[in-house]
Amino acid sequence: CVHLFYKLMRPQAMVLMETEIWPTIIQRCYKSN
């Protein structure tokens, strides 16, 4: 799900807030710089 989302959106940056800690989303951002 995360892979498809990032493939379509190709973000330059992302912001989470408060206690929204999503390991797969975080890992994808990290791998993609």
PDB file of all heavy atoms in Angstrom:
ATOM      1  N   CYS A   1       0.841  -1.209   0.000  1.00  0.00           N
ATOM      2  CA  CYS A   1       0.000   0.000   0.000  1.00  0.00           C
ATOM      3  C   CYS A   1       0.873   1.255   0.000  1.00  0.00           C
ATOM      4  O   CYS A   1       0.638   2.198  -0.769  1.00  0.00           O
ATOM      5  CB  CYS A   1      -0.922   0.008   1.218  1.00  0.00           C
ATOM      6  SG  CYS A   1      -2.004  -1.418   1.370  1.00  0.00           S
ATOM      7  N   VAL A   2       1.878   1.248   0.874  1.00  0.00           N
ATOM      8  CA  VAL A   2       2.786   2.390   0.984  1.00  0.00           C
ATOM      9  C   VAL A   2       3.588   2.563  -0.305  1.00  0.00           C
ATOM     10  O   VAL A   2       3.778   3.680  -0.797  1.00  0.00           O
ATOM     11  CB  VAL A   2       3.717   2.220   2.206  1.00  0.00           C
ATOM     12  CG1 VAL A   2       4.810   3.291   2.212  1.00  0.00           C
ATOM     13  CG2 VAL A   2       2.907   2.265   3.502  1.00  0.00           C
ATOM     14  N   HIS A   3       4.037   1.449  -0.886  1.00  0.00           N
ATOM     15  CA  HIS A   3       4.818   1.501  -2.129  1.00  0.00           C
ATOM     16  C   HIS A   3       4.022   2.165  -3.254  1.00  0.00           C
ATOM     17  O   HIS A   3       4.526   3.041  -3.956  1.00  0.00           O
ATOM     18  CB  HIS A   3       5.235   0.088  -2.539  1.00  0.00           C
ATOM     19  CG  HIS A   3       5.891   0.034  -3.886  1.00  0.00           C
ATOM     20  ND1 HIS A   3       7.192   0.456  -4.097  1.00  0.00           N
ATOM     21  CD2 HIS A   3       5.422  -0.356  -5.100  1.00  0.00           C
ATOM     22  CE1 HIS A   3       7.495   0.318  -5.383  1.00  0.00           C
ATOM     23  NE2 HIS A   3       6.442  -0.184  -6.009  1.00  0.00           N
ATOM     24  N   LEU A   4       2.768   1.755  -3.405  1.00  0.00           N
ATOM     25  CA  LEU A   4       1.926   2.310  -4.467  1.00  0.00           C
ATOM     26  C   LEU A   4       1.673   3.797  -4.232  1.00  0.00           C
ATOM     27  O   LEU A   4       1.746   4.616  -5.160  1.00  0.00           O
ATOM     28  CB  LEU A   4       0.609   1.536  -4.547  1.00  0.00           C
ATOM     29  CG  LEU A   4      -0.392   1.989  -5.617  1.00  0.00           C
ATOM     30  CD1 LEU A   4       0.236   1.936  -7.011  1.00  0.00           C
ATOM     31  CD2 LEU A   4      -1.656   1.128  -5.558  1.00  0.00           C
ATOM     32  N   PHE A   5       1.386   4.157  -2.982  1.00  0.00           N
ATOM     33  CA  PHE A   5       1.125   5.553  -2.617  1.00  0.00           C
ATOM     34  C   PHE A   5       2.325   6.439  -2.971  1.00  0.00           C
ATOM     35  O   PHE A   5       2.181   7.489  -3.605  1.00  0.00           O
ATOM     36  CB  PHE A   5       0.818   5.624  -1.117  1.00  0.00           C
ATOM     37  CG  PHE A   5       0.591   7.010  -0.586  1.00  0.00           C
ATOM     38  CD1 PHE A   5      -0.599   7.676  -0.833  1.00  0.00           C
ATOM     39  CD2 PHE A   5       1.562   7.656   0.170  1.00  0.00           C
ATOM     40  CE1 PHE A   5      -0.826   8.958  -0.330  1.00  0.00           C
ATOM     41  CE2 PHE A   5       1.355   8.925   0.674  1.00  0.00           C
ATOM     42  CZ  PHE A   5       0.157   9.577   0.420  1.00  0.00           C
ATOM     43  N   TYR A   6       3.508   6.007  -2.603  1.00  0.00           N
ATOM     44  CA  TYR A   6       4.710   6.798  -2.875  1.00  0.00           C
ATOM     45  C   TYR A   6       5.046   6.837  -4.361  1.00  0.00           C
ATOM     46  O   TYR A   6       5.522   7.853  -4.878  1.00  0.00           O
ATOM     47  CB  TYR A   6       5.893   6.264  -2.070  1.00  0.00           C
ATOM     48  CG  TYR A   6       5.931   6.818  -0.669  1.00  0.00           C
ATOM     49  CD1 TYR A   6       5.070   6.330   0.310  1.00  0.00           C
ATOM     50  CD2 TYR A   6       6.787   7.856  -0.327  1.00  0.00           C
ATOM     51  CE1 TYR A   6       5.080   6.848   1.592  1.00  0.00           C
ATOM     52  CE2 TYR A   6       6.809   8.383   0.949  1.00  0.00           C
ATOM     53  CZ  TYR A   6       5.950   7.870   1.902  1.00  0.00           C
ATOM     54  OH  TYR A   6       5.952   8.399   3.168  1.00  0.00           O
ATOM     55  N   LYS A   7       4.788   5.749  -5.031  1.00  0.00           N
ATOM     56  CA  LYS A   7       5.042   5.709  -6.473  1.00  0.00           C
ATOM     57  C   LYS A   7       4.185   6.731  -7.210  1.00  0.00           C
ATOM     58  O   LYS A   7       4.623   7.391  -8.160  1.00  0.00           O
ATOM     59  CB  LYS A   7       4.761   4.303  -7.004  1.00  0.00           C
ATOM     60  CG  LYS A   7       5.079   4.129  -8.482  1.00  0.00           C
ATOM     61  CD  LYS A   7       4.791   2.700  -8.923  1.00  0.00           C
ATOM     62  CE  LYS A   7       5.064   2.535 -10.416  1.00  0.00           C
ATOM     63  NZ  LYS A   7       4.761   1.155 -10.885  1.00  0.00           N
ATOM     64  N   LEU A   8       2.921   6.877  -6.768  1.00  0.00           N
ATOM     65  CA  LEU A   8       1.997   7.803  -7.421  1.00  0.00           C
ATOM     66  C   LEU A   8       2.196   9.245  -6.964  1.00  0.00           C
ATOM     67  O   LEU A   8       2.034  10.184  -7.748  1.00  0.00           O
ATOM     68  CB  LEU A   8       0.549   7.363  -7.151  1.00  0.00           C
ATOM     69  CG  LEU A   8       0.133   6.019  -7.753  1.00  0.00           C
ATOM     70  CD1 LEU A   8      -1.248   5.611  -7.249  1.00  0.00           C
ATOM     71  CD2 LEU A   8       0.137   6.083  -9.277  1.00  0.00           C
ATOM     72  N   MET A   9       2.546   9.447  -5.679  1.00  0.00           N
ATOM     73  CA  MET A   9       2.630  10.809  -5.132  1.00  0.00           C
ATOM     74  C   MET A   9       4.036  11.415  -5.220  1.00  0.00           C
ATOM     75  O   MET A   9       4.178  12.634  -5.283  1.00  0.00           O
ATOM     76  CB  MET A   9       2.163  10.813  -3.665  1.00  0.00           C
ATOM     77  CG  MET A   9       0.682  10.518  -3.493  1.00  0.00           C
ATOM     78  SD  MET A   9      -0.371  11.729  -4.341  1.00  0.00           S
ATOM     79  CE  MET A   9      -0.016  13.216  -3.409  1.00  0.00           C
ATOM     80  N   ARG A  10       5.077  10.590  -5.185  1.00  0.00           N
ATOM     81  CA  ARG A  10       6.470  11.041  -5.289  1.00  0.00           C
ATOM     82  C   ARG A  10       6.737  12.321  -4.463  1.00  0.00           C
ATOM     83  O   ARG A  10       7.164  13.357  -4.987  1.00  0.00           O
ATOM     84  CB  ARG A  10       6.860  11.296  -6.751  1.00  0.00           C
ATOM     85  CG  ARG A  10       6.668  10.102  -7.661  1.00  0.00           C
ATOM     86  CD  ARG A  10       7.359  10.299  -9.004  1.00  0.00           C
ATOM     87  NE  ARG A  10       6.929  11.478  -9.730  1.00  0.00           N
ATOM     88  CZ  ARG A  10       5.833  11.550 -10.490  1.00  0.00           C
ATOM     89  NH1 ARG A  10       5.045  10.479 -10.625  1.00  0.00           N
ATOM     90  NH2 ARG A  10       5.535  12.661 -11.134  1.00  0.00           N
ATOM     91  N   PRO A  11       6.490  12.263  -3.152  1.00  0.00           N
ATOM     92  CA  PRO A  11       6.633  13.477  -2.332  1.00  0.00           C
ATOM     93  C   PRO A  11       8.081  13.943  -2.194  1.00  0.00           C
ATOM     94  O   PRO A  11       9.013  13.134  -2.238  1.00  0.00           O
ATOM     95  CB  PRO A  11       6.084  13.032  -0.972  1.00  0.00           C
ATOM     96  CG  PRO A  11       6.310  11.560  -0.934  1.00  0.00           C
ATOM     97  CD  PRO A  11       6.103  11.095  -2.344  1.00  0.00           C
ATOM     98  N   GLN A  12       8.241  15.249  -2.019  1.00  0.00           N
ATOM     99  CA  GLN A  12       9.564  15.814  -1.719  1.00  0.00           C
ATOM    100  C   GLN A  12       9.830  15.808  -0.217  1.00  0.00           C
ATOM    101  O   GLN A  12      10.982  15.824   0.220  1.00  0.00           O
ATOM    102  CB  GLN A  12       9.670  17.241  -2.252  1.00  0.00           C
ATOM    103  CG  GLN A  12       9.739  17.334  -3.766  1.00  0.00           C
ATOM    104  CD  GLN A  12      10.136  18.733  -4.212  1.00  0.00           C
ATOM    105  OE1 GLN A  12      10.886  19.427  -3.535  1.00  0.00           O
ATOM    106  NE2 GLN A  12       9.627  19.138  -5.355  1.00  0.00           N
ATOM    107  N   ALA A  13       8.759  15.828   0.565  1.00  0.00           N
ATOM    108  CA  ALA A  13       8.888  15.789   2.023  1.00  0.00           C
ATOM    109  C   ALA A  13       7.545  15.342   2.600  1.00  0.00           C
ATOM    110  O   ALA A  13       6.503  15.445   1.941  1.00  0.00           O
ATOM    111  CB  ALA A  13       9.266  17.155   2.580  1.00  0.00           C
ATOM    112  N   MET A  14       7.608  14.856   3.855  1.00  0.00           N
ATOM    113  CA  MET A  14       6.383  14.418   4.507  1.00  0.00           C
ATOM    114  C   MET A  14       6.409  14.845   5.970  1.00  0.00           C
ATOM    115  O   MET A  14       7.476  14.932   6.587  1.00  0.00           O
ATOM    116  CB  MET A  14       6.224  12.904   4.400  1.00  0.00           C
ATOM    117  CG  MET A  14       4.887  12.390   4.895  1.00  0.00           C
ATOM    118  SD  MET A  14       4.556  10.699   4.361  1.00  0.00           S
ATOM    119  CE  MET A  14       2.934  10.466   5.087  1.00  0.00           C
ATOM    120  N   VAL A  15       5.233  15.114   6.514  1.00  0.00           N
ATOM    121  CA  VAL A  15       5.100  15.553   7.895  1.00  0.00           C
ATOM    122  C   VAL A  15       4.060  14.677   8.595  1.00  0.00           C
ATOM    123  O   VAL A  15       2.932  14.530   8.108  1.00  0.00           O
ATOM    124  CB  VAL A  15       4.652  17.034   7.973  1.00  0.00           C
ATOM    125  CG1 VAL A  15       4.455  17.457   9.429  1.00  0.00           C
ATOM    126  CG2 VAL A  15       5.659  17.940   7.283  1.00  0.00           C
ATOM    127  N   LEU A  16       4.454  14.097   9.720  1.00  0.00           N
ATOM    128  CA  LEU A  16       3.515  13.423  10.615  1.00  0.00           C
ATOM    129  C   LEU A  16       3.379  14.279  11.862  1.00  0.00           C
ATOM    130  O   LEU A  16       4.210  15.151  12.123  1.00  0.00           O
ATOM    131  CB  LEU A  16       4.032  12.025  10.992  1.00  0.00           C
ATOM    132  CG  LEU A  16       4.264  11.030   9.848  1.00  0.00           C
ATOM    133  CD1 LEU A  16       4.893   9.741  10.376  1.00  0.00           C
ATOM    134  CD2 LEU A  16       2.961  10.713   9.124  1.00  0.00           C
ATOM    135  N   MET A  17       2.337  14.040  12.654  1.00  0.00           N
ATOM    136  CA  MET A  17       2.195  14.845  13.861  1.00  0.00           C
ATOM    137  C   MET A  17       1.776  14.011  15.063  1.00  0.00           C
ATOM    138  O   MET A  17       1.208  12.926  14.934  1.00  0.00           O
ATOM    139  CB  MET A  17       1.229  16.008  13.637  1.00  0.00           C
ATOM    140  CG  MET A  17      -0.228  15.646  13.495  1.00  0.00           C
ATOM    141  SD  MET A  17      -1.276  17.105  13.222  1.00  0.00           S
ATOM    142  CE  MET A  17      -1.061  18.026  14.749  1.00  0.00           C
ATOM    143  N   GLU A  18       2.145  14.519  16.219  1.00  0.00           N
ATOM    144  CA  GLU A  18       1.791  13.972  17.522  1.00  0.00           C
ATOM    145  C   GLU A  18       2.335  12.559  17.719  1.00  0.00           C
ATOM    146  O   GLU A  18       3.537  12.374  17.826  1.00  0.00           O
ATOM    147  CB  GLU A  18       0.282  14.091  17.755  1.00  0.00           C
ATOM    148  CG  GLU A  18      -0.170  15.553  17.706  1.00  0.00           C
ATOM    149  CD  GLU A  18      -1.522  15.821  18.286  1.00  0.00           C
ATOM    150  OE1 GLU A  18      -2.273  14.868  18.554  1.00  0.00           O
ATOM    151  OE2 GLU A  18      -1.834  17.017  18.474  1.00  0.00           O
ATOM    152  N   THR A  19       1.488  11.537  17.737  1.00  0.00           N
ATOM    153  CA  THR A  19       1.972  10.164  17.981  1.00  0.00           C
ATOM    154  C   THR A  19       1.789   9.275  16.759  1.00  0.00           C
ATOM    155  O   THR A  19       1.695   8.050  16.877  1.00  0.00           O
ATOM    156  CB  THR A  19       1.232   9.537  19.185  1.00  0.00           C
ATOM    157  OG1 THR A  19      -0.173   9.684  19.000  1.00  0.00           O
ATOM    158  CG2 THR A  19       1.644  10.196  20.478  1.00  0.00           C
ATOM    159  N   GLU A  20       1.737   9.892  15.588  1.00  0.00           N
ATOM    160  CA  GLU A  20       1.548   9.113  14.358  1.00  0.00           C
ATOM    161  C   GLU A  20       2.893   8.531  13.908  1.00  0.00           C
ATOM    162  O   GLU A  20       3.622   9.144  13.122  1.00  0.00           O
ATOM    163  CB  GLU A  20       0.958   9.999  13.258  1.00  0.00           C
ATOM    164  CG  GLU A  20      -0.429  10.531  13.573  1.00  0.00           C
ATOM    165  CD  GLU A  20      -1.491   9.452  13.550  1.00  0.00           C
ATOM    166  OE1 GLU A  20      -1.420   8.561  12.682  1.00  0.00           O
ATOM    167  OE2 GLU A  20      -2.384   9.483  14.423  1.00  0.00           O
ATOM    168  N   ILE A  21       3.228   7.381  14.441  1.00  0.00           N
ATOM    169  CA  ILE A  21       4.500   6.720  14.124  1.00  0.00           C
ATOM    170  C   ILE A  21       4.188   5.476  13.293  1.00  0.00           C
ATOM    171  O   ILE A  21       3.714   4.465  13.820  1.00  0.00           O
ATOM    172  CB  ILE A  21       5.267   6.337  15.409  1.00  0.00           C
ATOM    173  CG1 ILE A  21       5.497   7.593  16.272  1.00  0.00           C
ATOM    174  CG2 ILE A  21       6.595   5.672  15.071  1.00  0.00           C
ATOM    175  CD1 ILE A  21       5.963   7.284  17.672  1.00  0.00           C
ATOM    176  N   TRP A  22       4.439   5.565  11.978  1.00  0.00           N
ATOM    177  CA  TRP A  22       4.111   4.477  11.059  1.00  0.00           C
ATOM    178  C   TRP A  22       5.401   3.926  10.453  1.00  0.00           C
ATOM    179  O   TRP A  22       5.970   4.528   9.541  1.00  0.00           O
ATOM    180  CB  TRP A  22       3.143   4.983   9.973  1.00  0.00           C
ATOM    181  CG  TRP A  22       1.858   5.476  10.565  1.00  0.00           C
ATOM    182  CD1 TRP A  22       1.460   6.763  10.719  1.00  0.00           C
ATOM    183  CD2 TRP A  22       0.832   4.669  11.126  1.00  0.00           C
ATOM    184  NE1 TRP A  22       0.240   6.821  11.336  1.00  0.00           N
ATOM    185  CE2 TRP A  22      -0.179   5.542  11.604  1.00  0.00           C
ATOM    186  CE3 TRP A  22       0.651   3.294  11.274  1.00  0.00           C
ATOM    187  CZ2 TRP A  22      -1.334   5.085  12.212  1.00  0.00           C
ATOM    188  CZ3 TRP A  22      -0.508   2.831  11.888  1.00  0.00           C
ATOM    189  CH2 TRP A  22      -1.487   3.724  12.339  1.00  0.00           C
ATOM    190  N   PRO A  23       5.877   2.790  10.987  1.00  0.00           N
ATOM    191  CA  PRO A  23       7.199   2.282  10.597  1.00  0.00           C
ATOM    192  C   PRO A  23       7.406   2.060   9.105  1.00  0.00           C
ATOM    193  O   PRO A  23       8.483   2.363   8.577  1.00  0.00           O
ATOM    194  CB  PRO A  23       7.296   0.958  11.376  1.00  0.00           C
ATOM    195  CG  PRO A  23       6.423   1.165  12.576  1.00  0.00           C
ATOM    196  CD  PRO A  23       5.282   1.994  12.073  1.00  0.00           C
ATOM    197  N   THR A  24       6.399   1.547   8.402  1.00  0.00           N
ATOM    198  CA  THR A  24       6.579   1.281   6.976  1.00  0.00           C
ATOM    199  C   THR A  24       6.696   2.580   6.184  1.00  0.00           C
ATOM    200  O   THR A  24       7.534   2.707   5.282  1.00  0.00           O
ATOM    201  CB  THR A  24       5.411   0.433   6.435  1.00  0.00           C
ATOM    202  OG1 THR A  24       5.252  -0.729   7.256  1.00  0.00           O
ATOM    203  CG2 THR A  24       5.656  -0.008   5.001  1.00  0.00           C
ATOM    204  N   ILE A  25       5.857   3.549   6.509  1.00  0.00           N
ATOM    205  CA  ILE A  25       5.928   4.862   5.855  1.00  0.00           C
ATOM    206  C   ILE A  25       7.276   5.525   6.142  1.00  0.00           C
ATOM    207  O   ILE A  25       7.924   6.080   5.244  1.00  0.00           O
ATOM    208  CB  ILE A  25       4.755   5.752   6.326  1.00  0.00           C
ATOM    209  CG1 ILE A  25       3.435   5.246   5.711  1.00  0.00           C
ATOM    210  CG2 ILE A  25       4.986   7.223   5.972  1.00  0.00           C
ATOM    211  CD1 ILE A  25       2.201   5.917   6.250  1.00  0.00           C
ATOM    212  N   ILE A  26       7.702   5.454   7.398  1.00  0.00           N
ATOM    213  CA  ILE A  26       8.983   6.058   7.781  1.00  0.00           C
ATOM    214  C   ILE A  26      10.140   5.382   7.038  1.00  0.00           C
ATOM    215  O   ILE A  26      11.045   6.060   6.522  1.00  0.00           O
ATOM    216  CB  ILE A  26       9.172   5.963   9.310  1.00  0.00           C
ATOM    217  CG1 ILE A  26       8.131   6.845  10.028  1.00  0.00           C
ATOM    218  CG2 ILE A  26      10.589   6.384   9.706  1.00  0.00           C
ATOM    219  CD1 ILE A  26       8.069   6.647  11.527  1.00  0.00           C
ATOM    220  N   GLN A  27      10.103   4.053   6.956  1.00  0.00           N
ATOM    221  CA  GLN A  27      11.160   3.312   6.263  1.00  0.00           C
ATOM    222  C   GLN A  27      11.232   3.688   4.785  1.00  0.00           C
ATOM    223  O   GLN A  27      12.313   3.860   4.222  1.00  0.00           O
ATOM    224  CB  GLN A  27      10.918   1.803   6.410  1.00  0.00           C
ATOM    225  CG  GLN A  27      11.842   0.901   5.601  1.00  0.00           C
ATOM    226  CD  GLN A  27      13.293   0.968   6.053  1.00  0.00           C
ATOM    227  OE1 GLN A  27      13.600   1.493   7.113  1.00  0.00           O
ATOM    228  NE2 GLN A  27      14.199   0.454   5.220  1.00  0.00           N
ATOM    229  N   ARG A  28      10.058   3.860   4.160  1.00  0.00           N
ATOM    230  CA  ARG A  28      10.027   4.208   2.740  1.00  0.00           C
ATOM    231  C   ARG A  28      10.631   5.593   2.508  1.00  0.00           C
ATOM    232  O   ARG A  28      11.394   5.803   1.559  1.00  0.00           O
ATOM    233  CB  ARG A  28       8.596   4.133   2.216  1.00  0.00           C
ATOM    234  CG  ARG A  28       8.465   4.518   0.743  1.00  0.00           C
ATOM    235  CD  ARG A  28       9.377   3.657  -0.138  1.00  0.00           C
ATOM    236  NE  ARG A  28       9.540   4.205  -1.458  1.00  0.00           N
ATOM    237  CZ  ARG A  28       8.965   3.728  -2.555  1.00  0.00           C
ATOM    238  NH1 ARG A  28       8.176   2.678  -2.471  1.00  0.00           N
ATOM    239  NH2 ARG A  28       9.190   4.282  -3.724  1.00  0.00           N
ATOM    240  N   CYS A  29      10.295   6.546   3.372  1.00  0.00           N
ATOM    241  CA  CYS A  29      10.879   7.888   3.257  1.00  0.00           C
ATOM    242  C   CYS A  29      12.396   7.825   3.438  1.00  0.00           C
ATOM    243  O   CYS A  29      13.153   8.463   2.695  1.00  0.00           O
ATOM    244  CB  CYS A  29      10.273   8.821   4.302  1.00  0.00           C
ATOM    245  SG  CYS A  29       8.631   9.436   3.897  1.00  0.00           S
ATOM    246  N   TYR A  30      12.827   7.065   4.424  1.00  0.00           N
ATOM    247  CA  TYR A  30      14.255   6.953   4.731  1.00  0.00           C
ATOM    248  C   TYR A  30      15.028   6.365   3.547  1.00  0.00           C
ATOM    249  O   TYR A  30      16.066   6.896   3.150  1.00  0.00           O
ATOM    250  CB  TYR A  30      14.421   6.082   5.974  1.00  0.00           C
ATOM    251  CG  TYR A  30      15.845   5.895   6.427  1.00  0.00           C
ATOM    252  CD1 TYR A  30      16.527   6.924   7.083  1.00  0.00           C
ATOM    253  CD2 TYR A  30      16.503   4.688   6.217  1.00  0.00           C
ATOM    254  CE1 TYR A  30      17.834   6.757   7.508  1.00  0.00           C
ATOM    255  CE2 TYR A  30      17.801   4.501   6.643  1.00  0.00           C
ATOM    256  CZ  TYR A  30      18.466   5.537   7.290  1.00  0.00           C
ATOM    257  OH  TYR A  30      19.754   5.356   7.705  1.00  0.00           O
ATOM    258  N   LYS A  31      14.508   5.291   2.986  1.00  0.00           N
ATOM    259  CA  LYS A  31      15.177   4.644   1.851  1.00  0.00           C
ATOM    260  C   LYS A  31      15.238   5.552   0.628  1.00  0.00           C
ATOM    261  O   LYS A  31      16.167   5.483  -0.164  1.00  0.00           O
ATOM    262  CB  LYS A  31      14.445   3.347   1.483  1.00  0.00           C
ATOM    263  CG  LYS A  31      14.756   2.168   2.390  1.00  0.00           C
ATOM    264  CD  LYS A  31      14.016   0.918   1.957  1.00  0.00           C
ATOM    265  CE  LYS A  31      14.503   0.443   0.600  1.00  0.00           C
ATOM    266  NZ  LYS A  31      13.838  -0.821   0.186  1.00  0.00           N
ATOM    267  N   SER A  32      14.210   6.403   0.480  1.00  0.00           N
ATOM    268  CA  SER A  32      14.125   7.269  -0.698  1.00  0.00           C
ATOM    269  C   SER A  32      14.721   8.662  -0.455  1.00  0.00           C
ATOM    270  O   SER A  32      14.558   9.552  -1.288  1.00  0.00           O
ATOM    271  CB  SER A  32      12.664   7.398  -1.138  1.00  0.00           C
ATOM    272  OG  SER A  32      12.104   6.129  -1.397  1.00  0.00           O
ATOM    273  N   ASN A  33      15.361   8.843   0.722  1.00  0.00           N
ATOM    274  CA  ASN A  33      15.946  10.148   1.089  1.00  0.00           C
ATOM    275  C   ASN A  33      14.919  11.272   1.076  1.00  0.00           C
ATOM    276  O   ASN A  33      15.195  12.401   0.643  1.00  0.00           O
ATOM    277  CB  ASN A  33      17.120  10.499   0.165  1.00  0.00           C
ATOM    278  CG  ASN A  33      18.312   9.584   0.393  1.00  0.00           C
ATOM    279  OD1 ASN A  33      18.657   9.302   1.526  1.00  0.00           O
ATOM    280  ND2 ASN A  33      18.905   9.108  -0.691  1.00  0.00           N
TER     281      ASN A  33
END
